[in-house]
Amino acid sequence: MLVDIYGTRELFVNEYRALLADRLLTQFMDNIGDEIRYLELLKLRFGDSLLHSCSVMLKDVYDSKRINHHLYSDPTSNLSSNNLNNKLEFPVRAIIVSNQFWPNFKDNFNVELPSVIQKHLDNYTKAFESFKGNRTLNWKPNLGIINIDLVLKDKTLNFTVSPIHATIIWHFQEQEEWTINDLSIKMRVPATTLRRRIGFWQNQGLLREKSFDTFIFVEDGIPTTSISGKGNRTSFVGRNSEFVYGDDDDEMESAVASAQDQREEELQVFWSYIVGMLTNLDSLPLDRIHQMLKMFATQGTGVDCSLTQLRLFLDEKVKQHLLIFTGGRYKLSK
């Protein structure tokens, strides 16, 4: 039934892969036994080859937990509690992913983390490099979860939030008043994204908008939503290299691009070829564009494109006023 809804086995598997990645990254799963069982059942229906990437993703999570344990238990590691030079305030746990097997992450910017957190990431990287020799980590600092305690006048509040949320409230302990523009520059986060994330702390009663786009810290504020928190750790993903977990609706969005988003990105590589065709030949019908792409583009890019997918892609360009469709032929907008 589900395969019929998605149309093809490949589309179904790609969507499952995106959902699996999101669960693994946003939940930092302590037990992946259920996911392994689900995957084995799907292999019976779809075969091993289509689901190979999913197997690698689960192996990455398992291997990451093993590496985390080793780095903190090995007495020679700079993260070990036996190391006299180890002055870490909190542990860092990483999910180290094999880049080519995971869906694309939604990370078109990299938040500037507080120096104390960055120092811990650097220490983890050094320990990993000592353990793995010629390998290193490329961190995704806007993805992950951080568990924090906020010590106020008469109480301590515990939150498990994304690195962006943690960085926002961190800066308010250094300076009680920030404008969106100043904090955006400080954190290297787009102002629109920052404004949405600040809403979480407003709901908790800890930040208040003093004037337009100017916020102040409020110690005795009253939360407008429930508070949730757990554990006592900082977790990130290193890409070899993370993930977003939040308490507000906006943060529950996927940490990875959906299968449809990834397919649209793949088809985008054809756009320059299509522009070239229509520049030289003025206008072409759909089937002729498809034939020319098969001859000149698909072999070089390694991306396949059906006639239906191409039609949907071109129709989207028409909606964006980049193409004109008339008389059964596509042409560039003037």
Protein backbone atom coordinates (compact mmCIF):
# COMPACT_ATOMS: atom_id res chain seq x y z
CA MET A 1 0.00 0.00 0.00
CA LEU A 2 2.71 2.49 0.97
CA VAL A 3 4.74 1.65 -2.12
CA ASP A 4 1.66 2.36 -4.25
CA ILE A 5 1.29 5.77 -2.58
CA TYR A 6 4.93 6.71 -3.25
CA GLY A 7 4.85 5.35 -6.79
CA THR A 8 8.13 3.43 -6.92
CA ARG A 9 10.25 1.35 -4.58
CA GLU A 10 13.09 3.86 -4.86
CA LEU A 11 10.93 6.78 -3.75
CA PHE A 12 9.61 4.81 -0.79
CA VAL A 13 13.10 3.75 0.30
CA ASN A 14 14.44 7.31 -0.06
CA GLU A 15 11.63 8.65 2.12
CA TYR A 16 12.24 5.92 4.71
CA ARG A 17 15.95 6.77 4.66
CA ALA A 18 15.17 10.44 5.38
CA LEU A 19 12.80 9.54 8.22
CA LEU A 20 15.31 7.11 9.73
CA ALA A 21 18.07 9.71 9.60
CA ASP A 22 15.83 12.26 11.29
CA ARG A 23 14.95 9.85 14.12
CA LEU A 24 18.58 8.88 14.67
CA LEU A 25 19.80 12.48 14.68
CA THR A 26 17.02 14.21 16.62
CA GLN A 27 16.64 11.56 19.31
CA PHE A 28 20.31 10.55 19.77
CA MET A 29 18.91 7.05 20.24
CA ASP A 30 20.29 5.00 23.11
CA ASN A 31 18.75 1.81 21.77
CA ILE A 32 18.61 1.19 18.03
CA GLY A 33 17.44 -2.42 18.34
CA ASP A 34 13.92 -1.61 17.12
CA GLU A 35 15.25 0.27 14.09
CA ILE A 36 17.48 -2.69 13.19
CA ARG A 37 14.49 -5.05 13.36
CA TYR A 38 12.36 -2.75 11.18
CA LEU A 39 15.18 -2.52 8.65
CA GLU A 40 15.61 -6.29 8.47
CA LEU A 41 11.88 -6.66 7.74
CA LEU A 42 12.10 -4.08 4.96
CA LYS A 43 15.10 -5.92 3.47
CA LEU A 44 12.89 -8.97 3.05
CA ARG A 45 10.57 -6.87 0.88
CA PHE A 46 13.01 -4.59 -0.97
CA GLY A 47 16.35 -6.39 -0.84
CA ASP A 48 19.72 -5.38 0.63
CA SER A 49 20.99 -3.13 -2.15
CA LEU A 50 18.25 -0.49 -1.93
CA LEU A 51 18.59 -0.31 1.86
CA HIS A 52 22.39 -0.41 2.06
CA SER A 53 22.61 3.27 3.06
CA CYS A 54 20.21 2.66 5.95
CA SER A 55 22.39 -0.20 7.21
CA VAL A 56 25.42 2.09 7.13
CA MET A 57 23.53 4.80 9.04
CA LEU A 58 22.64 2.39 11.84
CA LYS A 59 26.22 1.14 11.91
CA ASP A 60 27.44 4.75 12.20
CA VAL A 61 25.28 5.26 15.30
CA TYR A 62 26.51 2.03 16.86
CA ASP A 63 30.15 2.82 16.07
CA SER A 64 29.73 6.37 17.42
CA LYS A 65 28.58 5.07 20.80
CA ARG A 66 31.56 2.71 20.89
CA ILE A 67 33.96 5.55 20.01
CA ASN A 68 32.41 7.85 22.62
CA HIS A 69 32.87 5.18 25.30
CA HIS A 70 36.46 4.52 24.26
CA LEU A 71 37.52 8.18 24.23
CA TYR A 72 36.27 8.74 27.77
CA SER A 73 37.48 5.43 29.21
CA ASP A 74 40.92 5.11 27.60
CA PRO A 75 43.46 6.40 30.18
CA THR A 76 45.70 7.73 27.38
CA SER A 77 42.91 9.88 25.90
CA ASN A 78 42.87 13.61 26.66
CA LEU A 79 39.15 13.16 27.51
CA SER A 80 39.80 10.52 30.19
CA SER A 81 39.05 11.49 33.79
CA ASN A 82 42.45 9.99 34.66
CA ASN A 83 44.20 12.61 32.51
CA LEU A 84 45.60 15.34 34.78
CA ASN A 85 45.24 17.88 31.98
CA ASN A 86 41.56 17.11 31.58
CA LYS A 87 39.63 20.12 32.89
CA LEU A 88 36.41 19.60 30.95
CA GLU A 89 33.25 21.02 32.51
CA PHE A 90 30.93 18.60 30.70
CA PRO A 91 31.12 15.58 28.36
CA VAL A 92 30.58 15.74 24.60
CA ARG A 93 28.97 12.85 22.74
CA ALA A 94 29.18 12.73 18.95
CA ILE A 95 27.35 10.92 16.18
CA ILE A 96 30.00 10.45 13.49
CA VAL A 97 28.30 9.93 10.16
CA SER A 98 29.56 8.62 6.84
CA ASN A 99 28.75 11.60 4.62
CA GLN A 100 27.94 9.80 1.38
CA PHE A 101 25.36 7.46 2.94
CA TRP A 102 23.24 10.02 4.85
CA PRO A 103 20.63 12.41 3.42
CA ASN A 104 21.65 16.05 3.11
CA PHE A 105 21.39 18.03 6.32
CA LYS A 106 19.45 21.28 6.59
CA ASP A 107 22.44 23.39 7.56
CA ASN A 108 22.82 26.37 5.25
CA PHE A 109 24.57 28.29 8.05
CA ASN A 110 26.92 27.47 10.95
CA VAL A 111 26.16 29.05 14.32
CA GLU A 112 29.11 30.59 16.18
CA LEU A 113 29.13 28.60 19.42
CA PRO A 114 30.33 30.03 22.76
CA SER A 115 34.06 29.57 23.25
CA VAL A 116 33.62 27.12 26.15
CA ILE A 117 31.59 24.75 23.94
CA GLN A 118 33.95 25.15 20.99
CA LYS A 119 36.87 24.29 23.28
CA HIS A 120 35.21 21.00 24.20
CA LEU A 121 34.55 20.19 20.54
CA ASP A 122 38.21 20.87 19.75
CA ASN A 123 39.30 18.58 22.60
CA TYR A 124 37.02 15.84 21.32
CA THR A 125 38.46 16.25 17.82
CA LYS A 126 42.03 15.90 19.15
CA ALA A 127 41.08 12.75 21.04
CA PHE A 128 39.39 11.33 17.92
CA GLU A 129 42.42 12.13 15.75
CA SER A 130 44.72 10.38 18.23
CA PHE A 131 42.44 7.34 18.19
CA LYS A 132 41.83 7.20 14.41
CA GLY A 133 45.17 8.36 13.07
CA ASN A 134 44.71 10.16 9.75
CA ARG A 135 40.98 10.92 10.18
CA THR A 136 39.36 14.07 11.61
CA LEU A 137 35.91 15.54 12.21
CA ASN A 138 34.00 18.28 10.44
CA TRP A 139 31.48 19.53 13.00
CA LYS A 140 27.97 20.71 12.21
CA PRO A 141 27.55 23.17 15.12
CA ASN A 142 23.97 24.19 14.34
CA LEU A 143 22.85 20.54 14.72
CA GLY A 144 22.78 18.65 17.98
CA ILE A 145 21.32 18.82 21.48
CA ILE A 146 22.67 20.54 24.56
CA ASN A 147 21.44 19.92 28.09
CA ILE A 148 21.73 23.07 30.21
CA ASP A 149 20.89 24.19 33.75
CA LEU A 150 19.82 27.81 34.17
CA VAL A 151 20.51 28.97 37.73
CA LEU A 152 18.14 31.82 38.59
CA LYS A 153 17.50 33.67 41.85
CA ASP A 154 15.49 31.00 43.62
CA LYS A 155 15.45 28.02 41.27
CA THR A 156 17.36 25.99 38.72
CA LEU A 157 15.73 25.15 35.38
CA ASN A 158 16.87 22.29 33.15
CA PHE A 159 16.42 22.31 29.36
CA THR A 160 17.41 20.07 26.49
CA VAL A 161 17.64 22.35 23.44
CA SER A 162 19.40 22.85 20.14
CA PRO A 163 22.84 24.55 20.03
CA ILE A 164 21.22 27.70 18.62
CA HIS A 165 18.85 27.96 21.59
CA ALA A 166 21.67 27.32 24.05
CA THR A 167 23.89 29.93 22.41
CA ILE A 168 21.11 32.53 22.52
CA ILE A 169 20.55 32.19 26.27
CA TRP A 170 24.32 31.95 26.87
CA HIS A 171 24.85 35.42 25.42
CA PHE A 172 22.15 36.85 27.70
CA GLN A 173 24.24 35.90 30.74
CA GLU A 174 27.04 38.07 29.37
CA GLN A 175 24.76 40.97 28.36
CA GLU A 176 21.17 41.35 29.55
CA GLU A 177 19.94 43.23 26.47
CA TRP A 178 20.45 42.38 22.79
CA THR A 179 19.01 43.54 19.52
CA ILE A 180 18.23 40.97 16.85
CA ASN A 181 20.79 42.55 14.53
CA ASP A 182 23.63 42.54 17.10
CA LEU A 183 22.94 38.98 18.22
CA SER A 184 22.61 37.82 14.61
CA ILE A 185 26.09 39.19 13.86
CA LYS A 186 27.51 37.71 17.07
CA MET A 187 26.11 34.24 16.39
CA ARG A 188 26.39 34.34 12.57
CA VAL A 189 22.75 33.27 12.28
CA PRO A 190 20.21 34.85 9.88
CA ALA A 191 17.98 37.36 11.68
CA THR A 192 14.78 35.59 10.60
CA THR A 193 16.03 32.27 12.00
CA LEU A 194 17.21 33.93 15.21
CA ARG A 195 13.87 35.66 15.74
CA ARG A 196 12.03 32.32 15.55
CA ARG A 197 14.43 30.64 17.98
CA ILE A 198 14.15 33.47 20.51
CA GLY A 199 10.43 32.73 20.63
CA PHE A 200 11.18 29.55 22.59
CA TRP A 201 12.81 31.50 25.43
CA GLN A 202 9.98 34.03 25.32
CA ASN A 203 7.52 31.18 25.86
CA GLN A 204 9.56 30.04 28.86
CA GLY A 205 9.28 33.54 30.34
CA LEU A 206 13.04 34.13 30.30
CA LEU A 207 13.25 36.69 27.49
CA ARG A 208 10.99 39.66 26.88
CA GLU A 209 10.78 42.00 23.90
CA LYS A 210 11.53 45.42 25.41
CA SER A 211 10.97 47.23 22.13
CA PHE A 212 10.89 46.21 18.47
CA ASP A 213 13.63 43.57 17.91
CA THR A 214 15.23 44.35 21.30
CA PHE A 215 15.12 41.62 23.96
CA ILE A 216 16.03 41.54 27.66
CA PHE A 217 16.60 38.67 30.10
CA VAL A 218 13.89 38.18 32.78
CA GLU A 219 14.85 36.07 35.79
CA ASP A 220 11.40 35.93 37.40
CA GLY A 221 9.38 35.49 34.23
CA ILE A 222 6.39 33.13 34.05
CA PRO A 223 6.59 30.44 31.34
CA THR A 224 3.71 30.23 28.86
CA THR A 225 4.56 26.64 27.82
CA SER A 226 5.66 23.56 29.74
CA ILE A 227 9.34 23.00 30.49
CA SER A 228 11.02 19.73 29.64
CA GLY A 229 14.57 18.56 30.14
CA LYS A 230 16.53 15.38 30.66
CA GLY A 231 20.00 14.01 31.15
CA ASN A 232 23.12 16.05 31.63
CA ARG A 233 25.18 16.07 28.48
CA THR A 234 26.10 17.86 25.31
CA SER A 235 25.62 15.89 22.10
CA PHE A 236 26.77 16.80 18.63
CA VAL A 237 27.30 15.14 15.30
CA GLY A 238 30.67 15.10 13.63
CA ARG A 239 30.55 14.54 9.89
CA ASN A 240 33.58 12.12 8.73
CA SER A 241 31.03 14.06 10.94
CA GLU A 242 24.58 16.07 14.02
CA PHE A 243 21.00 16.97 14.68
CA VAL A 244 18.28 19.20 16.08
CA TYR A 245 16.12 18.48 19.11
CA GLY A 246 13.87 21.18 20.50
CA ASP A 247 10.88 21.73 22.71
CA ASP A 248 8.93 24.06 20.44
CA ASP A 249 7.01 23.17 17.30
CA ASP A 250 9.43 24.98 15.01
CA GLU A 251 12.38 22.93 16.22
CA MET A 252 10.62 19.64 15.66
CA GLU A 253 11.04 20.07 11.92
CA SER A 254 13.29 17.58 10.19
CA ALA A 255 17.05 17.88 10.61
CA VAL A 256 17.56 16.43 7.13
CA ALA A 257 16.22 17.30 3.72
CA SER A 258 13.20 15.25 2.66
CA ALA A 259 13.45 12.79 -0.21
CA GLN A 260 11.51 15.25 -2.39
CA ASP A 261 13.86 18.11 -1.50
CA GLN A 262 16.89 15.96 -2.32
CA ARG A 263 15.38 14.88 -5.65
CA GLU A 264 14.69 18.49 -6.60
CA GLU A 265 18.28 19.37 -5.75
CA GLU A 266 19.53 16.53 -7.95
CA LEU A 267 17.35 17.66 -10.86
CA GLN A 268 18.69 21.20 -10.47
CA VAL A 269 21.96 20.04 -12.10
CA PHE A 270 20.02 19.78 -15.39
CA TRP A 271 18.97 23.42 -15.32
CA SER A 272 22.13 24.80 -16.94
CA TYR A 273 21.79 22.23 -19.76
CA ILE A 274 18.15 23.19 -20.31
CA VAL A 275 18.98 26.91 -20.37
CA GLY A 276 21.67 26.22 -22.96
CA MET A 277 19.29 24.21 -25.15
CA LEU A 278 16.56 26.85 -25.10
CA THR A 279 19.05 29.67 -25.65
CA ASN A 280 20.28 28.02 -28.87
CA LEU A 281 17.03 26.47 -30.12
CA ASP A 282 14.51 29.02 -28.75
CA SER A 283 11.79 26.50 -27.80
CA LEU A 284 11.48 22.73 -27.42
CA PRO A 285 8.74 20.20 -26.55
CA LEU A 286 9.07 18.10 -23.41
CA ASP A 287 10.06 14.84 -25.12
CA ARG A 288 12.82 16.55 -27.14
CA ILE A 289 14.30 18.13 -23.97
CA HIS A 290 14.18 14.72 -22.30
CA GLN A 291 15.96 13.03 -25.21
CA MET A 292 18.72 15.65 -25.29
CA LEU A 293 19.24 15.41 -21.52
CA LYS A 294 19.58 11.64 -21.79
CA MET A 295 22.21 12.06 -24.51
CA PHE A 296 24.29 14.86 -23.02
CA ALA A 297 23.51 15.34 -19.31
CA THR A 298 22.53 12.16 -17.48
CA GLN A 299 25.70 10.25 -18.39
CA GLY A 300 27.93 13.03 -17.09
CA THR A 301 26.00 13.74 -13.88
CA GLY A 302 24.99 10.19 -12.94
CA VAL A 303 21.46 11.49 -12.18
CA ASP A 304 18.55 9.81 -13.94
CA CYS A 305 15.35 11.70 -14.78
CA SER A 306 12.07 10.25 -16.01
CA LEU A 307 9.78 12.10 -18.40
CA THR A 308 7.26 12.70 -15.59
CA GLN A 309 9.91 14.06 -13.23
CA LEU A 310 11.21 16.37 -15.95
CA ARG A 311 7.71 17.68 -16.67
CA LEU A 312 7.13 18.46 -12.98
CA PHE A 313 10.54 20.14 -12.79
CA LEU A 314 9.88 22.30 -15.85
CA ASP A 315 6.36 23.17 -14.66
CA GLU A 316 7.90 24.43 -11.43
CA LYS A 317 10.23 26.66 -13.46
CA VAL A 318 7.15 27.99 -15.26
CA LYS A 319 5.58 28.86 -11.89
CA GLN A 320 8.82 30.67 -10.99
CA HIS A 321 8.50 32.66 -14.26
CA LEU A 322 11.81 31.27 -15.51
CA LEU A 323 10.14 29.43 -18.40
CA ILE A 324 7.12 29.98 -20.61
CA PHE A 325 4.97 27.03 -21.77
CA THR A 326 2.94 27.66 -24.88
CA GLY A 327 1.77 25.48 -27.75
CA GLY A 328 3.24 22.38 -26.10
CA ARG A 329 6.76 23.89 -26.09
CA TYR A 330 8.97 25.39 -23.38
CA LYS A 331 10.97 28.59 -23.89
CA LEU A 332 12.95 30.94 -21.68
CA SER A 333 11.22 33.95 -20.18
CA LYS A 334 12.39 37.21 -21.67
